[in-house]
Amino acid sequence: MKALRCLRPIDSAPVARQRLQTLLAYERRSISQTDLVASLREDILTVVGLYAAVKPCKVHIKMDRDAMGSRLAVDIEISNRPRAAAVAPA
């Protein structure tokens, strides 16, 4: 009897479902991380731009996640020129 079990087709639906759920969870996490980094980038550019001349192309943000937590690394190239004074509306 045990020999006949080997000849029976294996139901692959549960395995495929689990793989799809894993893939979707990974995609959701990577998309939300990208949105978070984009939002952080805009906020950082706004705040640093108040105090120094910063080109958006010179700002690099990297976010890493591991079992211990998340790590955010920000690399900003700031020019030696002073920031232009803001003109107050009349």
Protein backbone atom coordinates (compact mmCIF):
# COMPACT_ATOMS: atom_id res chain seq x y z
CA MET A 1 0.00 0.00 0.00
CA LYS A 2 2.75 2.48 0.84
CA ALA A 3 4.28 1.94 -2.59
CA LEU A 4 1.06 3.05 -4.27
CA ARG A 5 1.08 6.38 -2.38
CA CYS A 6 4.21 7.40 -4.30
CA LEU A 7 2.32 7.08 -7.59
CA ARG A 8 -0.51 9.36 -6.49
CA PRO A 9 -0.29 12.97 -7.85
CA ILE A 10 0.72 15.57 -5.28
CA ASP A 11 -1.68 18.46 -4.66
CA SER A 12 0.45 21.51 -5.44
CA ALA A 13 -2.21 24.16 -4.72
CA PRO A 14 -1.29 24.67 -1.01
CA VAL A 15 2.40 24.99 -1.91
CA ALA A 16 1.65 27.48 -4.70
CA ARG A 17 -0.66 29.48 -2.40
CA GLN A 18 2.03 29.71 0.28
CA ARG A 19 4.64 30.82 -2.25
CA LEU A 20 2.30 33.49 -3.62
CA GLN A 21 1.53 34.79 -0.11
CA THR A 22 5.25 34.99 0.64
CA LEU A 23 5.90 36.88 -2.61
CA LEU A 24 3.04 39.32 -1.98
CA ALA A 25 4.23 40.01 1.57
CA TYR A 26 7.73 40.72 0.27
CA GLU A 27 6.38 43.06 -2.43
CA ARG A 28 4.20 44.95 0.05
CA ARG A 29 7.13 45.44 2.39
CA SER A 30 9.47 46.68 -0.36
CA ILE A 31 6.83 49.07 -1.75
CA SER A 32 6.06 50.58 1.65
CA GLN A 33 9.79 50.93 2.35
CA THR A 34 10.23 52.81 -0.94
CA ASP A 35 7.35 55.14 -0.11
CA LEU A 36 8.80 55.78 3.34
CA VAL A 37 12.26 56.58 1.96
CA ALA A 38 10.74 58.94 -0.63
CA SER A 39 8.78 60.77 2.07
CA LEU A 40 11.80 60.99 4.34
CA ARG A 41 13.90 62.31 1.45
CA GLU A 42 11.44 65.14 0.77
CA ASP A 43 11.25 66.07 4.45
CA ILE A 44 15.03 66.01 4.85
CA LEU A 45 15.51 68.18 1.74
CA THR A 46 12.99 70.69 3.07
CA VAL A 47 14.55 70.98 6.52
CA VAL A 48 18.20 71.00 5.46
CA GLY A 49 17.34 73.44 2.66
CA LEU A 50 16.31 75.98 5.29
CA TYR A 51 19.89 76.16 6.58
CA ALA A 52 22.18 75.21 3.69
CA ALA A 53 22.27 75.13 -0.11
CA VAL A 54 21.54 71.52 -1.07
CA LYS A 55 21.05 70.00 -4.51
CA PRO A 56 18.46 67.19 -4.49
CA CYS A 57 20.71 65.03 -6.66
CA LYS A 58 23.40 65.20 -3.93
CA VAL A 59 21.21 63.59 -1.25
CA HIS A 60 21.44 59.80 -0.89
CA ILE A 61 19.23 57.90 1.55
CA LYS A 62 19.48 54.21 2.32
CA MET A 63 17.28 52.18 4.64
CA ASP A 64 18.23 48.72 5.86
CA ARG A 65 16.11 46.37 7.94
CA ASP A 66 17.20 43.34 9.91
CA ALA A 67 16.00 41.34 12.89
CA MET A 68 17.27 43.97 15.35
CA GLY A 69 15.50 46.93 13.71
CA SER A 70 15.81 49.50 10.93
CA ARG A 71 18.77 51.67 10.01
CA LEU A 72 18.56 54.93 8.05
CA ALA A 73 21.72 56.30 6.44
CA VAL A 74 21.66 59.81 4.97
CA ASP A 75 24.53 61.22 2.91
CA ILE A 76 24.15 64.92 2.02
CA GLU A 77 26.68 66.93 0.06
CA ILE A 78 26.42 70.53 1.25
CA SER A 79 28.01 73.29 -0.82
CA ASN A 80 30.34 75.87 0.71
CA ARG A 81 28.21 78.69 -0.67
CA PRO A 82 25.82 80.26 1.79
CA ARG A 83 22.15 79.70 1.20
CA ALA A 84 20.41 82.56 -0.62
CA ALA A 85 18.34 84.68 1.75
CA ALA A 86 14.63 84.09 1.47
CA VAL A 87 12.62 87.03 0.26
CA ALA A 88 9.64 87.80 2.46
CA PRO A 89 6.33 88.34 0.61
CA ALA A 90 5.18 91.97 0.51
